[in-house]
Amino acid sequence: MTITDKNMNLAGFREIKLPAGDSAKPFFSFDLDGVIGTPLLGLDWTLSRKLTDDEIGVVRRLDAPVSGLPGRVSLKFKDLTQQLRYFGRRPMPGARAGIAEVSKHRNLIIITGRSYLARKIVQAWLKRYELDKYILDVFANYTDQSTRKYKLHLLRQFEINEHADDDGGIVYYLAKCGVSHVYLRDWRRNAGLPYPSNVVRFTQISEIARDIESRVRQQAL
């Protein structure tokens, strides 16, 4: 079984292929930095506190092949920048065990606001720390949209209703725009915002697994 982006002009270049026997499990998406991997310098200083619920406009792709020397030089520089961003990064404490627990109940993908140039770098990082066995695919931002709108666009396209993130502004936006279960990594800069009731805070990914298990048991009653 596979799922594909319904808008073939935007993301039809690949499908998510599911392992045999996993077709009945719903999908769950993770952000990467600050949720699975340690944030830059181990700090939460890049997190947004901007609260908005405006709708997505026209979405355009930005990952078309470049031509000409200036374009290729610029692309090479951006690619190097993406590689440097992941130099020395390690998984968050308990990330691998928590992801393994969540994968028992959900098919897992990563949706990151990083440039589409980072996709292969992220995949290599996941493989280095043996997380690739749990993550089916990585979706980095190939559009002209901001991170929050790109994530909402993909969640809607794939009909995913559960997402974990570390950015308070993004979590607020996704929760207000219809994503039914949004998990927020409990960083200092996320405190004090008026999150909707469908936002659940966590410090360890294993807490997400326990919340899902609780909901699964309730649905079975």
C-alpha atoms as a PDB file:
ATOM      1  CA  MET A   1       0.000   0.000   0.000  1.00  0.00           C
ATOM      2  CA  THR A   2       1.141   3.551  -0.676  1.00  0.00           C
ATOM      3  CA  ILE A   3      -0.102   7.051  -0.036  1.00  0.00           C
ATOM      4  CA  THR A   4       0.665   9.960  -2.327  1.00  0.00           C
ATOM      5  CA  ASP A   5       0.159  13.701  -2.304  1.00  0.00           C
ATOM      6  CA  LYS A   6      -3.238  14.323  -3.899  1.00  0.00           C
ATOM      7  CA  ASN A   7      -1.911  17.392  -5.691  1.00  0.00           C
ATOM      8  CA  MET A   8       0.364  15.661  -8.201  1.00  0.00           C
ATOM      9  CA  ASN A   9       1.791  18.992  -9.356  1.00  0.00           C
ATOM     10  CA  LEU A  10       3.284  19.483  -5.909  1.00  0.00           C
ATOM     11  CA  ALA A  11       4.451  16.179  -4.481  1.00  0.00           C
ATOM     12  CA  GLY A  12       3.632  13.394  -6.892  1.00  0.00           C
ATOM     13  CA  PHE A  13       7.311  12.677  -7.459  1.00  0.00           C
ATOM     14  CA  ARG A  14       7.267   9.887  -4.858  1.00  0.00           C
ATOM     15  CA  GLU A  15       5.024   7.717  -2.734  1.00  0.00           C
ATOM     16  CA  ILE A  16       5.234   6.527   0.835  1.00  0.00           C
ATOM     17  CA  LYS A  17       5.567   2.751   0.684  1.00  0.00           C
ATOM     18  CA  LEU A  18       4.225   0.887   3.683  1.00  0.00           C
ATOM     19  CA  PRO A  19       5.761  -2.301   5.103  1.00  0.00           C
ATOM     20  CA  ALA A  20       3.658  -5.431   4.732  1.00  0.00           C
ATOM     21  CA  GLY A  21       1.050  -5.648   7.473  1.00  0.00           C
ATOM     22  CA  ASP A  22       1.187  -1.964   8.376  1.00  0.00           C
ATOM     23  CA  SER A  23      -1.515  -0.667   6.037  1.00  0.00           C
ATOM     24  CA  ALA A  24      -4.112  -0.470   8.814  1.00  0.00           C
ATOM     25  CA  LYS A  25      -2.017   1.798  11.054  1.00  0.00           C
ATOM     26  CA  PRO A  26      -2.715   5.554  10.833  1.00  0.00           C
ATOM     27  CA  PHE A  27       0.097   7.939   9.951  1.00  0.00           C
ATOM     28  CA  PHE A  28       1.952  10.094  12.446  1.00  0.00           C
ATOM     29  CA  SER A  29       4.382  12.873  11.549  1.00  0.00           C
ATOM     30  CA  PHE A  30       7.337  14.214  13.514  1.00  0.00           C
ATOM     31  CA  ASP A  31       9.242  17.428  13.193  1.00  0.00           C
ATOM     32  CA  LEU A  32      12.990  16.771  13.412  1.00  0.00           C
ATOM     33  CA  ASP A  33      14.994  19.475  15.204  1.00  0.00           C
ATOM     34  CA  GLY A  34      14.132  19.742  18.885  1.00  0.00           C
ATOM     35  CA  VAL A  35      11.825  16.710  18.751  1.00  0.00           C
ATOM     36  CA  ILE A  36      13.936  13.809  17.459  1.00  0.00           C
ATOM     37  CA  GLY A  37      17.301  15.544  17.048  1.00  0.00           C
ATOM     38  CA  THR A  38      18.933  18.025  19.376  1.00  0.00           C
ATOM     39  CA  PRO A  39      18.350  21.667  18.367  1.00  0.00           C
ATOM     40  CA  LEU A  40      21.149  23.909  17.151  1.00  0.00           C
ATOM     41  CA  LEU A  41      23.640  24.414  20.026  1.00  0.00           C
ATOM     42  CA  GLY A  42      21.171  22.560  22.257  1.00  0.00           C
ATOM     43  CA  LEU A  43      19.085  25.718  22.700  1.00  0.00           C
ATOM     44  CA  ASP A  44      15.447  26.603  21.972  1.00  0.00           C
ATOM     45  CA  TRP A  45      16.179  30.168  20.829  1.00  0.00           C
ATOM     46  CA  THR A  46      14.786  29.699  17.292  1.00  0.00           C
ATOM     47  CA  LEU A  47      11.252  28.792  18.390  1.00  0.00           C
ATOM     48  CA  SER A  48       8.395  31.038  17.310  1.00  0.00           C
ATOM     49  CA  ARG A  49       5.712  32.491  19.570  1.00  0.00           C
ATOM     50  CA  LYS A  50       3.720  34.086  16.751  1.00  0.00           C
ATOM     51  CA  LEU A  51       0.061  33.034  16.914  1.00  0.00           C
ATOM     52  CA  THR A  52      -1.923  32.946  13.682  1.00  0.00           C
ATOM     53  CA  ASP A  53      -4.535  30.798  11.972  1.00  0.00           C
ATOM     54  CA  ASP A  54      -4.572  32.292   8.454  1.00  0.00           C
ATOM     55  CA  GLU A  55      -5.260  29.927   5.580  1.00  0.00           C
ATOM     56  CA  ILE A  56      -2.791  28.591   3.009  1.00  0.00           C
ATOM     57  CA  GLY A  57      -2.712  30.407  -0.329  1.00  0.00           C
ATOM     58  CA  VAL A  58      -1.479  29.094  -3.666  1.00  0.00           C
ATOM     59  CA  VAL A  59       1.377  26.645  -3.119  1.00  0.00           C
ATOM     60  CA  ARG A  60       4.271  26.676  -5.575  1.00  0.00           C
ATOM     61  CA  ARG A  61       7.243  24.305  -5.823  1.00  0.00           C
ATOM     62  CA  LEU A  62      10.802  25.541  -5.454  1.00  0.00           C
ATOM     63  CA  ASP A  63      12.749  22.348  -6.173  1.00  0.00           C
ATOM     64  CA  ALA A  64      12.949  22.648  -9.958  1.00  0.00           C
ATOM     65  CA  PRO A  65      16.392  22.036 -11.541  1.00  0.00           C
ATOM     66  CA  VAL A  66      18.577  25.143 -11.716  1.00  0.00           C
ATOM     67  CA  SER A  67      20.456  26.327 -14.792  1.00  0.00           C
ATOM     68  CA  GLY A  68      23.466  28.577 -15.265  1.00  0.00           C
ATOM     69  CA  LEU A  69      26.616  28.960 -13.181  1.00  0.00           C
ATOM     70  CA  PRO A  70      25.197  31.465 -10.623  1.00  0.00           C
ATOM     71  CA  GLY A  71      22.248  29.177  -9.898  1.00  0.00           C
ATOM     72  CA  ARG A  72      24.484  26.100  -9.480  1.00  0.00           C
ATOM     73  CA  VAL A  73      26.901  27.963  -7.203  1.00  0.00           C
ATOM     74  CA  SER A  74      24.015  29.216  -5.069  1.00  0.00           C
ATOM     75  CA  LEU A  75      22.567  25.701  -4.870  1.00  0.00           C
ATOM     76  CA  LYS A  76      25.943  24.255  -3.848  1.00  0.00           C
ATOM     77  CA  PHE A  77      26.293  26.872  -1.102  1.00  0.00           C
ATOM     78  CA  LYS A  78      22.804  26.129   0.218  1.00  0.00           C
ATOM     79  CA  ASP A  79      23.552  22.402   0.181  1.00  0.00           C
ATOM     80  CA  LEU A  80      26.740  22.939   2.205  1.00  0.00           C
ATOM     81  CA  THR A  81      24.814  25.088   4.676  1.00  0.00           C
ATOM     82  CA  GLN A  82      22.304  22.285   5.178  1.00  0.00           C
ATOM     83  CA  GLN A  83      25.113  19.791   5.823  1.00  0.00           C
ATOM     84  CA  LEU A  84      26.709  22.070   8.430  1.00  0.00           C
ATOM     85  CA  ARG A  85      23.379  22.374  10.244  1.00  0.00           C
ATOM     86  CA  TYR A  86      23.541  18.662  11.123  1.00  0.00           C
ATOM     87  CA  PHE A  87      27.215  18.475  12.013  1.00  0.00           C
ATOM     88  CA  GLY A  88      27.528  17.124  15.555  1.00  0.00           C
ATOM     89  CA  ARG A  89      23.779  16.739  16.096  1.00  0.00           C
ATOM     90  CA  ARG A  90      22.635  13.743  18.112  1.00  0.00           C
ATOM     91  CA  PRO A  91      19.194  12.301  18.896  1.00  0.00           C
ATOM     92  CA  MET A  92      17.305  13.703  21.862  1.00  0.00           C
ATOM     93  CA  PRO A  93      17.503  11.572  25.038  1.00  0.00           C
ATOM     94  CA  GLY A  94      15.136   8.618  24.745  1.00  0.00           C
ATOM     95  CA  ALA A  95      14.239   9.469  21.132  1.00  0.00           C
ATOM     96  CA  ARG A  96      15.000   6.065  19.621  1.00  0.00           C
ATOM     97  CA  ALA A  97      13.112   4.104  22.280  1.00  0.00           C
ATOM     98  CA  GLY A  98      10.163   6.497  22.109  1.00  0.00           C
ATOM     99  CA  ILE A  99       9.975   6.346  18.320  1.00  0.00           C
ATOM    100  CA  ALA A 100      10.054   2.541  18.493  1.00  0.00           C
ATOM    101  CA  GLU A 101       7.073   2.649  20.862  1.00  0.00           C
ATOM    102  CA  VAL A 102       5.065   5.040  18.669  1.00  0.00           C
ATOM    103  CA  SER A 103       5.824   2.913  15.586  1.00  0.00           C
ATOM    104  CA  LYS A 104       3.920   0.003  17.150  1.00  0.00           C
ATOM    105  CA  HIS A 105       0.722   1.984  16.633  1.00  0.00           C
ATOM    106  CA  ARG A 106       1.516   4.387  13.762  1.00  0.00           C
ATOM    107  CA  ASN A 107       3.319   4.617  10.429  1.00  0.00           C
ATOM    108  CA  LEU A 108       5.896   7.355  10.925  1.00  0.00           C
ATOM    109  CA  ILE A 109       7.168  10.102   8.630  1.00  0.00           C
ATOM    110  CA  ILE A 110       9.147  13.287   9.200  1.00  0.00           C
ATOM    111  CA  ILE A 111       7.891  16.656   7.982  1.00  0.00           C
ATOM    112  CA  THR A 112      10.523  19.345   8.429  1.00  0.00           C
ATOM    113  CA  GLY A 113      10.584  22.978   7.434  1.00  0.00           C
ATOM    114  CA  ARG A 114      14.206  22.611   6.350  1.00  0.00           C
ATOM    115  CA  SER A 115      14.907  23.125   2.649  1.00  0.00           C
ATOM    116  CA  TYR A 116      14.306  20.229   0.271  1.00  0.00           C
ATOM    117  CA  LEU A 117      18.107  20.156  -0.074  1.00  0.00           C
ATOM    118  CA  ALA A 118      18.263  18.700   3.448  1.00  0.00           C
ATOM    119  CA  ARG A 119      16.224  15.568   2.693  1.00  0.00           C
ATOM    120  CA  LYS A 120      19.151  13.249   1.871  1.00  0.00           C
ATOM    121  CA  ILE A 121      21.174  14.693   4.742  1.00  0.00           C
ATOM    122  CA  VAL A 122      18.338  13.956   7.173  1.00  0.00           C
ATOM    123  CA  GLN A 123      17.956  10.431   5.782  1.00  0.00           C
ATOM    124  CA  ALA A 124      21.685   9.808   6.287  1.00  0.00           C
ATOM    125  CA  TRP A 125      21.431  11.176   9.836  1.00  0.00           C
ATOM    126  CA  LEU A 126      18.525   8.841  10.626  1.00  0.00           C
ATOM    127  CA  LYS A 127      20.488   5.880   9.270  1.00  0.00           C
ATOM    128  CA  ARG A 128      23.566   6.800  11.319  1.00  0.00           C
ATOM    129  CA  TYR A 129      21.531   6.562  14.520  1.00  0.00           C
ATOM    130  CA  GLU A 130      19.463   3.538  13.384  1.00  0.00           C
ATOM    131  CA  LEU A 131      16.236   5.522  13.307  1.00  0.00           C
ATOM    132  CA  ASP A 132      15.611   4.829   9.629  1.00  0.00           C
ATOM    133  CA  LYS A 133      14.037   1.459  10.438  1.00  0.00           C
ATOM    134  CA  TYR A 134      11.092   3.315  12.029  1.00  0.00           C
ATOM    135  CA  ILE A 135      10.765   6.343   9.701  1.00  0.00           C
ATOM    136  CA  LEU A 136       9.177   5.598   6.332  1.00  0.00           C
ATOM    137  CA  ASP A 137      10.105   8.858   4.615  1.00  0.00           C
ATOM    138  CA  VAL A 138      11.335  12.423   5.077  1.00  0.00           C
ATOM    139  CA  PHE A 139       9.529  15.438   3.606  1.00  0.00           C
ATOM    140  CA  ALA A 140      11.516  18.681   3.587  1.00  0.00           C
ATOM    141  CA  ASN A 141      10.063  21.971   2.387  1.00  0.00           C
ATOM    142  CA  TYR A 142       9.978  22.059  -1.424  1.00  0.00           C
ATOM    143  CA  THR A 143       7.461  24.931  -1.589  1.00  0.00           C
ATOM    144  CA  ASP A 144       7.361  28.722  -1.369  1.00  0.00           C
ATOM    145  CA  GLN A 145       5.328  28.483   1.846  1.00  0.00           C
ATOM    146  CA  SER A 146       6.455  29.227   5.395  1.00  0.00           C
ATOM    147  CA  THR A 147       7.223  26.243   7.609  1.00  0.00           C
ATOM    148  CA  ARG A 148       3.848  26.283   9.358  1.00  0.00           C
ATOM    149  CA  LYS A 149       1.889  26.450   6.109  1.00  0.00           C
ATOM    150  CA  TYR A 150       4.042  23.814   4.430  1.00  0.00           C
ATOM    151  CA  LYS A 151       3.449  21.419   7.316  1.00  0.00           C
ATOM    152  CA  LEU A 152      -0.294  22.046   7.290  1.00  0.00           C
ATOM    153  CA  HIS A 153      -0.352  21.554   3.510  1.00  0.00           C
ATOM    154  CA  LEU A 154       1.322  18.136   3.755  1.00  0.00           C
ATOM    155  CA  LEU A 155      -0.724  16.999   6.745  1.00  0.00           C
ATOM    156  CA  ARG A 156      -3.880  17.789   4.799  1.00  0.00           C
ATOM    157  CA  GLN A 157      -2.654  16.178   1.601  1.00  0.00           C
ATOM    158  CA  PHE A 158      -1.761  12.951   3.400  1.00  0.00           C
ATOM    159  CA  GLU A 159      -4.783  13.165   5.736  1.00  0.00           C
ATOM    160  CA  ILE A 160      -2.551  12.922   8.824  1.00  0.00           C
ATOM    161  CA  ASN A 161      -4.217  14.022  12.048  1.00  0.00           C
ATOM    162  CA  GLU A 162      -1.328  13.605  14.513  1.00  0.00           C
ATOM    163  CA  HIS A 163       1.895  15.612  14.536  1.00  0.00           C
ATOM    164  CA  ALA A 164       4.703  16.301  17.042  1.00  0.00           C
ATOM    165  CA  ASP A 165       6.638  19.577  16.948  1.00  0.00           C
ATOM    166  CA  ASP A 166       8.763  21.798  19.157  1.00  0.00           C
ATOM    167  CA  ASP A 167       7.649  25.203  17.874  1.00  0.00           C
ATOM    168  CA  GLY A 168       4.833  26.790  19.885  1.00  0.00           C
ATOM    169  CA  GLY A 169       3.675  29.033  17.056  1.00  0.00           C
ATOM    170  CA  ILE A 170       3.511  26.131  14.587  1.00  0.00           C
ATOM    171  CA  VAL A 171       1.730  23.861  17.065  1.00  0.00           C
ATOM    172  CA  TYR A 172      -0.853  26.567  17.754  1.00  0.00           C
ATOM    173  CA  TYR A 173      -1.374  27.058  14.009  1.00  0.00           C
ATOM    174  CA  LEU A 174      -1.797  23.352  13.216  1.00  0.00           C
ATOM    175  CA  ALA A 175      -4.158  22.817  16.151  1.00  0.00           C
ATOM    176  CA  LYS A 176      -6.308  25.818  15.200  1.00  0.00           C
ATOM    177  CA  CYS A 177      -6.418  24.760  11.534  1.00  0.00           C
ATOM    178  CA  GLY A 178      -7.868  21.310  12.097  1.00  0.00           C
ATOM    179  CA  VAL A 179      -5.079  18.868  13.010  1.00  0.00           C
ATOM    180  CA  SER A 180      -6.830  16.879  15.715  1.00  0.00           C
ATOM    181  CA  HIS A 181      -3.877  15.805  17.894  1.00  0.00           C
ATOM    182  CA  VAL A 182      -0.776  18.007  18.107  1.00  0.00           C
ATOM    183  CA  TYR A 183       2.079  17.203  20.484  1.00  0.00           C
ATOM    184  CA  LEU A 184       4.365  19.985  21.717  1.00  0.00           C
ATOM    185  CA  ARG A 185       7.900  19.400  23.003  1.00  0.00           C
ATOM    186  CA  ASP A 186       8.058  21.171  26.345  1.00  0.00           C
ATOM    187  CA  TRP A 187      10.778  23.778  25.734  1.00  0.00           C
ATOM    188  CA  ARG A 188      11.098  26.920  27.860  1.00  0.00           C
ATOM    189  CA  ARG A 189      10.074  29.295  25.039  1.00  0.00           C
ATOM    190  CA  ASN A 190       6.802  27.392  24.553  1.00  0.00           C
ATOM    191  CA  ALA A 191       5.454  28.293  27.986  1.00  0.00           C
ATOM    192  CA  GLY A 192       2.483  30.578  28.544  1.00  0.00           C
ATOM    193  CA  LEU A 193       0.820  30.473  25.117  1.00  0.00           C
ATOM    194  CA  PRO A 194      -2.971  29.917  24.871  1.00  0.00           C
ATOM    195  CA  TYR A 195      -2.862  26.518  23.167  1.00  0.00           C
ATOM    196  CA  PRO A 196      -6.115  24.846  22.099  1.00  0.00           C
ATOM    197  CA  SER A 197      -7.283  21.795  24.038  1.00  0.00           C
ATOM    198  CA  ASN A 198      -6.060  19.399  21.318  1.00  0.00           C
ATOM    199  CA  VAL A 199      -2.417  20.269  22.114  1.00  0.00           C
ATOM    200  CA  VAL A 200      -0.581  17.814  24.399  1.00  0.00           C
ATOM    201  CA  ARG A 201       2.793  18.761  25.869  1.00  0.00           C
ATOM    202  CA  PHE A 202       5.564  16.167  26.210  1.00  0.00           C
ATOM    203  CA  THR A 203       9.191  15.926  27.296  1.00  0.00           C
ATOM    204  CA  GLN A 204       9.874  12.353  26.117  1.00  0.00           C
ATOM    205  CA  ILE A 205       8.571  10.794  22.904  1.00  0.00           C
ATOM    206  CA  SER A 206       7.509   7.749  24.952  1.00  0.00           C
ATOM    207  CA  GLU A 207       4.807   9.993  26.457  1.00  0.00           C
ATOM    208  CA  ILE A 208       3.289  10.323  22.984  1.00  0.00           C
ATOM    209  CA  ALA A 209       3.174   6.537  22.693  1.00  0.00           C
ATOM    210  CA  ARG A 210       1.363   6.275  26.036  1.00  0.00           C
ATOM    211  CA  ASP A 211      -1.165   8.915  24.993  1.00  0.00           C
ATOM    212  CA  ILE A 212      -1.855   7.065  21.738  1.00  0.00           C
ATOM    213  CA  GLU A 213      -2.180   3.763  23.600  1.00  0.00           C
ATOM    214  CA  SER A 214      -4.685   5.378  25.982  1.00  0.00           C
ATOM    215  CA  ARG A 215      -6.788   6.640  23.086  1.00  0.00           C
ATOM    216  CA  VAL A 216      -6.620   3.234  21.372  1.00  0.00           C
ATOM    217  CA  ARG A 217      -7.924   1.564  24.557  1.00  0.00           C
ATOM    218  CA  GLN A 218     -10.740   4.110  24.892  1.00  0.00           C
ATOM    219  CA  GLN A 219     -11.800   3.562  21.281  1.00  0.00           C
ATOM    220  CA  ALA A 220     -11.908  -0.187  21.874  1.00  0.00           C
ATOM    221  CA  LEU A 221     -14.406   0.133  24.775  1.00  0.00           C
END
